[in-house]
Amino acid sequence: MSPEEISKVFIFSSLNEEELTEIEKIIRIRIYNKGETIFFDTEPYNGFYIVLKGLVKIYKISKDAKEHILHLITPNNSFAEVPLFENSDQILRGEARYPANSMALEDYTEVMKVSAEPFLKIIEKNNKLLLKMLSGFAKRLRSLNQHIEEIALKDVTKRVAGFILSEYSKKPENSYIELSISKNDLASYLGTILETLSRTFRKLHEDLIIEVDGKTIHITDIKGLKKLTL
């Protein structure tokens, strides 16, 4: 990857050419197909990742074997970066582990891996680079907090409506959205179960707000959908 291509990644977007060249030396690119694991939460931590193409889910498995999706990582966004700053001493001693599991949700999902130890050496020499990156991490943390608040404070209908509107805002020229994940994964991400998600879709259909056709959701009443999020 060229420094110009690396600069498109959100957390590296403020770096200058010299700094980008340093990052270029410690990355590697890998392609994963749908369902392939990128790392498990039992594996030694050896770097963080950035999605270049496709989609990745970050998830935990509870003691009762239920899957809980924590994040859906879209292109140019990073994941597994927190341990790098939280447990740097443990990483250098080889004692750190990944805090969750990750899996590709689409075929030909392309990810960039930034190796931990050489990256730590770079930021030790260049504190300005670290400060530039922290703003990107802060925005990511704000997004996570917002998602947790929505699950804790909003009912399922509001969560579903909010998700549809968020996806719609990415391509407002369309009157529909295409789900890039399974409905089971969507239910997990929204903090509910598949049966409840299906009932919610049915109710929104009966209220003439949406129409669901497989993974395509047609929005028939955008104003009504927005009201549900209030």
C-alpha atoms as a PDB file:
ATOM      1  CA  MET A   1       0.000   0.000   0.000  1.00  0.00           C
ATOM      2  CA  SER A   2       1.179   3.490  -0.794  1.00  0.00           C
ATOM      3  CA  PRO A   3       1.245   6.324   1.793  1.00  0.00           C
ATOM      4  CA  GLU A   4      -1.564   7.980  -0.190  1.00  0.00           C
ATOM      5  CA  GLU A   5      -3.765   4.896   0.185  1.00  0.00           C
ATOM      6  CA  ILE A   6      -2.938   4.587   3.895  1.00  0.00           C
ATOM      7  CA  SER A   7      -3.992   8.224   4.435  1.00  0.00           C
ATOM      8  CA  LYS A   8      -7.570   7.259   3.479  1.00  0.00           C
ATOM      9  CA  VAL A   9      -7.767   5.244   6.684  1.00  0.00           C
ATOM     10  CA  PHE A  10      -9.579   7.340   9.276  1.00  0.00           C
ATOM     11  CA  ILE A  11      -7.040   7.135  12.119  1.00  0.00           C
ATOM     12  CA  PHE A  12      -4.134   7.916   9.756  1.00  0.00           C
ATOM     13  CA  SER A  13      -5.821  10.724   7.834  1.00  0.00           C
ATOM     14  CA  SER A  14      -3.963  13.505   9.704  1.00  0.00           C
ATOM     15  CA  LEU A  15      -0.475  12.070   9.247  1.00  0.00           C
ATOM     16  CA  ASN A  16       2.101  13.622   6.925  1.00  0.00           C
ATOM     17  CA  GLU A  17       3.911  11.718   4.156  1.00  0.00           C
ATOM     18  CA  GLU A  18       6.943  10.870   6.309  1.00  0.00           C
ATOM     19  CA  GLU A  19       4.754   9.463   9.068  1.00  0.00           C
ATOM     20  CA  LEU A  20       2.675   7.498   6.563  1.00  0.00           C
ATOM     21  CA  THR A  21       5.851   5.991   5.114  1.00  0.00           C
ATOM     22  CA  GLU A  22       6.799   4.751   8.598  1.00  0.00           C
ATOM     23  CA  ILE A  23       3.394   3.092   8.947  1.00  0.00           C
ATOM     24  CA  GLU A  24       3.721   1.544   5.494  1.00  0.00           C
ATOM     25  CA  LYS A  25       6.753  -0.450   6.662  1.00  0.00           C
ATOM     26  CA  ILE A  26       4.904  -2.309   9.431  1.00  0.00           C
ATOM     27  CA  ILE A  27       1.613  -3.276   7.791  1.00  0.00           C
ATOM     28  CA  ARG A  28       0.488  -6.318   5.885  1.00  0.00           C
ATOM     29  CA  ILE A  29      -2.698  -6.948   3.909  1.00  0.00           C
ATOM     30  CA  ARG A  30      -4.835 -10.071   4.068  1.00  0.00           C
ATOM     31  CA  ILE A  31      -8.087 -11.201   2.427  1.00  0.00           C
ATOM     32  CA  TYR A  32     -10.759 -13.088   4.399  1.00  0.00           C
ATOM     33  CA  ASN A  33     -13.905 -14.747   3.107  1.00  0.00           C
ATOM     34  CA  LYS A  34     -17.291 -14.688   4.807  1.00  0.00           C
ATOM     35  CA  GLY A  35     -17.249 -16.635   8.065  1.00  0.00           C
ATOM     36  CA  GLU A  36     -13.464 -16.682   8.428  1.00  0.00           C
ATOM     37  CA  THR A  37     -12.109 -15.786  11.854  1.00  0.00           C
ATOM     38  CA  ILE A  38      -9.553 -12.983  12.044  1.00  0.00           C
ATOM     39  CA  PHE A  39      -8.730 -13.600  15.713  1.00  0.00           C
ATOM     40  CA  PHE A  40     -10.211 -15.201  18.831  1.00  0.00           C
ATOM     41  CA  ASP A  41     -10.241 -13.676  22.311  1.00  0.00           C
ATOM     42  CA  THR A  42      -7.869 -16.426  23.476  1.00  0.00           C
ATOM     43  CA  GLU A  43      -5.086 -15.464  21.063  1.00  0.00           C
ATOM     44  CA  PRO A  44      -1.980 -13.457  22.006  1.00  0.00           C
ATOM     45  CA  TYR A  45      -2.320  -9.820  20.998  1.00  0.00           C
ATOM     46  CA  ASN A  46       0.107  -8.873  18.225  1.00  0.00           C
ATOM     47  CA  GLY A  47      -1.459  -5.928  16.444  1.00  0.00           C
ATOM     48  CA  PHE A  48      -4.575  -4.021  15.429  1.00  0.00           C
ATOM     49  CA  TYR A  49      -6.522  -4.052  12.187  1.00  0.00           C
ATOM     50  CA  ILE A  50      -8.228  -1.768   9.699  1.00  0.00           C
ATOM     51  CA  VAL A  51     -10.957  -2.818   7.276  1.00  0.00           C
ATOM     52  CA  LEU A  52     -10.165  -1.752   3.711  1.00  0.00           C
ATOM     53  CA  LYS A  53     -13.017  -3.579   1.964  1.00  0.00           C
ATOM     54  CA  GLY A  54     -15.945  -5.631   3.208  1.00  0.00           C
ATOM     55  CA  LEU A  55     -17.338  -5.928   6.717  1.00  0.00           C
ATOM     56  CA  VAL A  56     -16.093  -7.346  10.049  1.00  0.00           C
ATOM     57  CA  LYS A  57     -17.974  -8.117  13.244  1.00  0.00           C
ATOM     58  CA  ILE A  58     -16.484  -7.912  16.719  1.00  0.00           C
ATOM     59  CA  TYR A  59     -18.293 -10.174  19.152  1.00  0.00           C
ATOM     60  CA  LYS A  60     -18.217 -11.960  22.485  1.00  0.00           C
ATOM     61  CA  ILE A  61     -19.658 -15.324  23.470  1.00  0.00           C
ATOM     62  CA  SER A  62     -21.450 -15.343  26.831  1.00  0.00           C
ATOM     63  CA  LYS A  63     -21.303 -18.163  29.367  1.00  0.00           C
ATOM     64  CA  ASP A  64     -24.637 -19.469  28.050  1.00  0.00           C
ATOM     65  CA  ALA A  65     -23.077 -19.668  24.535  1.00  0.00           C
ATOM     66  CA  LYS A  66     -24.984 -16.678  23.139  1.00  0.00           C
ATOM     67  CA  GLU A  67     -23.240 -14.386  20.696  1.00  0.00           C
ATOM     68  CA  HIS A  68     -23.260 -10.637  21.347  1.00  0.00           C
ATOM     69  CA  ILE A  69     -22.067  -8.378  18.538  1.00  0.00           C
ATOM     70  CA  LEU A  70     -20.194  -5.361  19.908  1.00  0.00           C
ATOM     71  CA  HIS A  71     -19.231  -3.604  16.670  1.00  0.00           C
ATOM     72  CA  LEU A  72     -19.716  -3.806  12.934  1.00  0.00           C
ATOM     73  CA  ILE A  73     -16.547  -2.484  11.318  1.00  0.00           C
ATOM     74  CA  THR A  74     -16.923  -0.855   7.905  1.00  0.00           C
ATOM     75  CA  PRO A  75     -14.152   0.188   5.458  1.00  0.00           C
ATOM     76  CA  ASN A  76     -11.432   2.604   6.644  1.00  0.00           C
ATOM     77  CA  ASN A  77     -12.244   1.967  10.316  1.00  0.00           C
ATOM     78  CA  SER A  78      -9.948   0.236  12.809  1.00  0.00           C
ATOM     79  CA  PHE A  79     -10.513  -2.438  15.442  1.00  0.00           C
ATOM     80  CA  ALA A  80      -8.569  -4.110  18.272  1.00  0.00           C
ATOM     81  CA  GLU A  81      -6.541  -0.949  18.843  1.00  0.00           C
ATOM     82  CA  VAL A  82      -7.479  -0.347  22.505  1.00  0.00           C
ATOM     83  CA  PRO A  83      -5.149  -3.029  24.007  1.00  0.00           C
ATOM     84  CA  LEU A  84      -2.233  -1.323  22.275  1.00  0.00           C
ATOM     85  CA  PHE A  85      -2.571   1.656  24.633  1.00  0.00           C
ATOM     86  CA  GLU A  86      -4.074  -0.153  27.589  1.00  0.00           C
ATOM     87  CA  ASN A  87      -1.622  -3.046  27.919  1.00  0.00           C
ATOM     88  CA  SER A  88       1.580  -2.018  26.128  1.00  0.00           C
ATOM     89  CA  ASP A  89       3.811  -3.585  28.811  1.00  0.00           C
ATOM     90  CA  GLN A  90       1.930  -6.887  28.608  1.00  0.00           C
ATOM     91  CA  ILE A  91       2.138  -6.798  24.805  1.00  0.00           C
ATOM     92  CA  LEU A  92       5.909  -6.437  24.918  1.00  0.00           C
ATOM     93  CA  ARG A  93       6.101  -9.367  27.356  1.00  0.00           C
ATOM     94  CA  GLY A  94       3.811 -11.458  25.129  1.00  0.00           C
ATOM     95  CA  GLU A  95       1.133 -11.685  27.823  1.00  0.00           C
ATOM     96  CA  ALA A  96      -1.706  -9.623  26.274  1.00  0.00           C
ATOM     97  CA  ARG A  97      -4.753 -11.234  24.642  1.00  0.00           C
ATOM     98  CA  TYR A  98      -7.385  -9.916  22.258  1.00  0.00           C
ATOM     99  CA  PRO A  99     -10.420  -8.700  24.245  1.00  0.00           C
ATOM    100  CA  ALA A 100     -13.025 -10.128  21.819  1.00  0.00           C
ATOM    101  CA  ASN A 101     -13.449 -12.254  18.690  1.00  0.00           C
ATOM    102  CA  SER A 102     -13.573 -10.983  15.104  1.00  0.00           C
ATOM    103  CA  MET A 103     -14.960 -12.478  11.900  1.00  0.00           C
ATOM    104  CA  ALA A 104     -15.368 -11.403   8.279  1.00  0.00           C
ATOM    105  CA  LEU A 105     -19.007 -11.010   7.236  1.00  0.00           C
ATOM    106  CA  GLU A 106     -18.451 -10.682   3.497  1.00  0.00           C
ATOM    107  CA  ASP A 107     -16.386 -12.533   0.928  1.00  0.00           C
ATOM    108  CA  TYR A 108     -13.139 -10.810  -0.087  1.00  0.00           C
ATOM    109  CA  THR A 109     -13.027  -8.739   3.092  1.00  0.00           C
ATOM    110  CA  GLU A 110      -9.658  -6.968   2.926  1.00  0.00           C
ATOM    111  CA  VAL A 111      -7.945  -5.938   6.157  1.00  0.00           C
ATOM    112  CA  MET A 112      -4.707  -4.186   7.010  1.00  0.00           C
ATOM    113  CA  LYS A 113      -2.820  -5.416  10.062  1.00  0.00           C
ATOM    114  CA  VAL A 114      -0.551  -3.010  11.942  1.00  0.00           C
ATOM    115  CA  SER A 115       1.988  -4.989  13.977  1.00  0.00           C
ATOM    116  CA  ALA A 116       2.033  -4.025  17.655  1.00  0.00           C
ATOM    117  CA  GLU A 117       5.707  -3.938  18.669  1.00  0.00           C
ATOM    118  CA  PRO A 118       7.069  -1.897  15.729  1.00  0.00           C
ATOM    119  CA  PHE A 119       4.085   0.453  16.013  1.00  0.00           C
ATOM    120  CA  LEU A 120       4.821   1.052  19.699  1.00  0.00           C
ATOM    121  CA  LYS A 121       8.416   1.920  18.767  1.00  0.00           C
ATOM    122  CA  ILE A 122       7.187   4.438  16.183  1.00  0.00           C
ATOM    123  CA  ILE A 123       4.905   6.279  18.604  1.00  0.00           C
ATOM    124  CA  GLU A 124       7.614   6.281  21.297  1.00  0.00           C
ATOM    125  CA  LYS A 125       9.790   8.295  18.898  1.00  0.00           C
ATOM    126  CA  ASN A 126       6.957  10.461  17.578  1.00  0.00           C
ATOM    127  CA  ASN A 127       4.474  11.664  20.176  1.00  0.00           C
ATOM    128  CA  LYS A 128       2.869  14.038  17.683  1.00  0.00           C
ATOM    129  CA  LEU A 129       1.825  11.058  15.575  1.00  0.00           C
ATOM    130  CA  LEU A 130       0.135   9.556  18.619  1.00  0.00           C
ATOM    131  CA  LEU A 131      -1.783  12.770  19.343  1.00  0.00           C
ATOM    132  CA  LYS A 132      -3.027  12.912  15.761  1.00  0.00           C
ATOM    133  CA  MET A 133      -4.328   9.365  16.064  1.00  0.00           C
ATOM    134  CA  LEU A 134      -5.995   9.863  19.435  1.00  0.00           C
ATOM    135  CA  SER A 135      -8.653  12.113  17.929  1.00  0.00           C
ATOM    136  CA  GLY A 136      -9.657   9.233  15.670  1.00  0.00           C
ATOM    137  CA  PHE A 137      -9.826   6.834  18.606  1.00  0.00           C
ATOM    138  CA  ALA A 138     -11.914   9.339  20.603  1.00  0.00           C
ATOM    139  CA  LYS A 139     -14.500   9.552  17.827  1.00  0.00           C
ATOM    140  CA  ARG A 140     -14.653   5.765  17.700  1.00  0.00           C
ATOM    141  CA  LEU A 141     -15.188   5.592  21.472  1.00  0.00           C
ATOM    142  CA  ARG A 142     -17.993   8.150  21.208  1.00  0.00           C
ATOM    143  CA  SER A 143     -19.684   5.944  18.609  1.00  0.00           C
ATOM    144  CA  LEU A 144     -19.394   2.893  20.877  1.00  0.00           C
ATOM    145  CA  ASN A 145     -20.864   4.785  23.833  1.00  0.00           C
ATOM    146  CA  GLN A 146     -23.773   5.913  21.674  1.00  0.00           C
ATOM    147  CA  HIS A 147     -24.487   2.326  20.615  1.00  0.00           C
ATOM    148  CA  ILE A 148     -24.435   1.123  24.237  1.00  0.00           C
ATOM    149  CA  GLU A 149     -26.782   3.926  25.286  1.00  0.00           C
ATOM    150  CA  GLU A 150     -29.221   3.049  22.516  1.00  0.00           C
ATOM    151  CA  ILE A 151     -29.351  -0.590  23.609  1.00  0.00           C
ATOM    152  CA  ALA A 152     -29.768   0.360  27.275  1.00  0.00           C
ATOM    153  CA  LEU A 153     -32.247   3.216  26.903  1.00  0.00           C
ATOM    154  CA  LYS A 154     -34.282   2.623  23.727  1.00  0.00           C
ATOM    155  CA  ASP A 155     -36.861  -0.043  22.975  1.00  0.00           C
ATOM    156  CA  VAL A 156     -36.388  -2.429  20.058  1.00  0.00           C
ATOM    157  CA  THR A 157     -38.600  -0.444  17.664  1.00  0.00           C
ATOM    158  CA  LYS A 158     -36.509   2.695  18.194  1.00  0.00           C
ATOM    159  CA  ARG A 159     -33.288   0.728  17.764  1.00  0.00           C
ATOM    160  CA  VAL A 160     -34.496  -0.831  14.510  1.00  0.00           C
ATOM    161  CA  ALA A 161     -35.763   2.497  13.168  1.00  0.00           C
ATOM    162  CA  GLY A 162     -32.491   4.182  14.117  1.00  0.00           C
ATOM    163  CA  PHE A 163     -30.452   1.491  12.358  1.00  0.00           C
ATOM    164  CA  ILE A 164     -32.497   1.758   9.159  1.00  0.00           C
ATOM    165  CA  LEU A 165     -32.179   5.555   9.147  1.00  0.00           C
ATOM    166  CA  SER A 166     -28.434   5.335   9.763  1.00  0.00           C
ATOM    167  CA  GLU A 167     -28.017   2.993   6.778  1.00  0.00           C
ATOM    168  CA  TYR A 168     -30.366   5.127   4.670  1.00  0.00           C
ATOM    169  CA  SER A 169     -28.285   8.254   5.400  1.00  0.00           C
ATOM    170  CA  LYS A 170     -25.309   6.626   3.639  1.00  0.00           C
ATOM    171  CA  LYS A 171     -27.231   6.587   0.330  1.00  0.00           C
ATOM    172  CA  PRO A 172     -30.189   8.998   0.702  1.00  0.00           C
ATOM    173  CA  GLU A 173     -30.780   8.951  -3.039  1.00  0.00           C
ATOM    174  CA  ASN A 174     -32.260   5.449  -2.598  1.00  0.00           C
ATOM    175  CA  SER A 175     -35.607   4.681  -0.954  1.00  0.00           C
ATOM    176  CA  TYR A 176     -34.285   1.372   0.343  1.00  0.00           C
ATOM    177  CA  ILE A 177     -31.345  -0.184   2.166  1.00  0.00           C
ATOM    178  CA  GLU A 178     -29.585  -3.495   1.611  1.00  0.00           C
ATOM    179  CA  LEU A 179     -28.647  -5.403   4.756  1.00  0.00           C
ATOM    180  CA  SER A 180     -24.995  -6.398   4.593  1.00  0.00           C
ATOM    181  CA  ILE A 181     -25.391  -8.830   7.500  1.00  0.00           C
ATOM    182  CA  SER A 182     -27.812 -11.629   8.328  1.00  0.00           C
ATOM    183  CA  LYS A 183     -30.956 -10.816  10.291  1.00  0.00           C
ATOM    184  CA  ASN A 184     -29.620 -12.983  13.086  1.00  0.00           C
ATOM    185  CA  ASP A 185     -26.453 -10.853  13.257  1.00  0.00           C
ATOM    186  CA  LEU A 186     -28.558  -7.686  13.061  1.00  0.00           C
ATOM    187  CA  ALA A 187     -30.660  -8.860  16.008  1.00  0.00           C
ATOM    188  CA  SER A 188     -27.513  -9.527  18.026  1.00  0.00           C
ATOM    189  CA  TYR A 189     -26.078  -6.129  17.119  1.00  0.00           C
ATOM    190  CA  LEU A 190     -29.293  -4.387  18.205  1.00  0.00           C
ATOM    191  CA  GLY A 191     -29.359  -6.275  21.501  1.00  0.00           C
ATOM    192  CA  THR A 192     -32.407  -8.423  20.803  1.00  0.00           C
ATOM    193  CA  ILE A 193     -33.331 -11.843  19.368  1.00  0.00           C
ATOM    194  CA  LEU A 194     -34.345 -12.841  15.848  1.00  0.00           C
ATOM    195  CA  GLU A 195     -37.999 -13.461  16.764  1.00  0.00           C
ATOM    196  CA  THR A 196     -38.365  -9.977  18.262  1.00  0.00           C
ATOM    197  CA  LEU A 197     -36.631  -8.396  15.255  1.00  0.00           C
ATOM    198  CA  SER A 198     -38.996 -10.236  12.891  1.00  0.00           C
ATOM    199  CA  ARG A 199     -42.050  -9.066  14.886  1.00  0.00           C
ATOM    200  CA  THR A 200     -40.751  -5.493  14.750  1.00  0.00           C
ATOM    201  CA  PHE A 201     -40.286  -5.684  10.973  1.00  0.00           C
ATOM    202  CA  ARG A 202     -43.842  -7.074  10.653  1.00  0.00           C
ATOM    203  CA  LYS A 203     -45.293  -4.252  12.768  1.00  0.00           C
ATOM    204  CA  LEU A 204     -43.449  -1.595  10.734  1.00  0.00           C
ATOM    205  CA  HIS A 205     -44.761  -3.272   7.567  1.00  0.00           C
ATOM    206  CA  GLU A 206     -48.347  -3.293   8.899  1.00  0.00           C
ATOM    207  CA  ASP A 207     -47.984   0.408   9.755  1.00  0.00           C
ATOM    208  CA  LEU A 208     -46.924   1.057   6.121  1.00  0.00           C
ATOM    209  CA  ILE A 209     -43.511   2.382   7.184  1.00  0.00           C
ATOM    210  CA  ILE A 210     -41.291  -0.248   5.553  1.00  0.00           C
ATOM    211  CA  GLU A 211     -41.504  -3.284   3.277  1.00  0.00           C
ATOM    212  CA  VAL A 212     -39.052  -6.148   3.781  1.00  0.00           C
ATOM    213  CA  ASP A 213     -38.019  -8.316   0.846  1.00  0.00           C
ATOM    214  CA  GLY A 214     -35.224 -10.652   1.939  1.00  0.00           C
ATOM    215  CA  LYS A 215     -32.261  -8.410   2.787  1.00  0.00           C
ATOM    216  CA  THR A 216     -33.820  -5.390   1.064  1.00  0.00           C
ATOM    217  CA  ILE A 217     -35.782  -2.954   3.230  1.00  0.00           C
ATOM    218  CA  HIS A 218     -37.886  -0.453   1.277  1.00  0.00           C
ATOM    219  CA  ILE A 219     -38.746   2.716   3.185  1.00  0.00           C
ATOM    220  CA  THR A 220     -42.326   3.744   2.363  1.00  0.00           C
ATOM    221  CA  ASP A 221     -42.774   6.418   5.039  1.00  0.00           C
ATOM    222  CA  ILE A 222     -39.527   8.208   5.905  1.00  0.00           C
ATOM    223  CA  LYS A 223     -41.288  10.750   8.143  1.00  0.00           C
ATOM    224  CA  GLY A 224     -43.023   7.989  10.100  1.00  0.00           C
ATOM    225  CA  LEU A 225     -39.708   6.171  10.470  1.00  0.00           C
ATOM    226  CA  LYS A 226     -38.011   9.292  11.846  1.00  0.00           C
ATOM    227  CA  LYS A 227     -40.829   9.803  14.368  1.00  0.00           C
ATOM    228  CA  LEU A 228     -40.196   6.332  15.787  1.00  0.00           C
ATOM    229  CA  THR A 229     -36.657   7.333  16.799  1.00  0.00           C
ATOM    230  CA  LEU A 230     -37.808  10.291  18.927  1.00  0.00           C
END
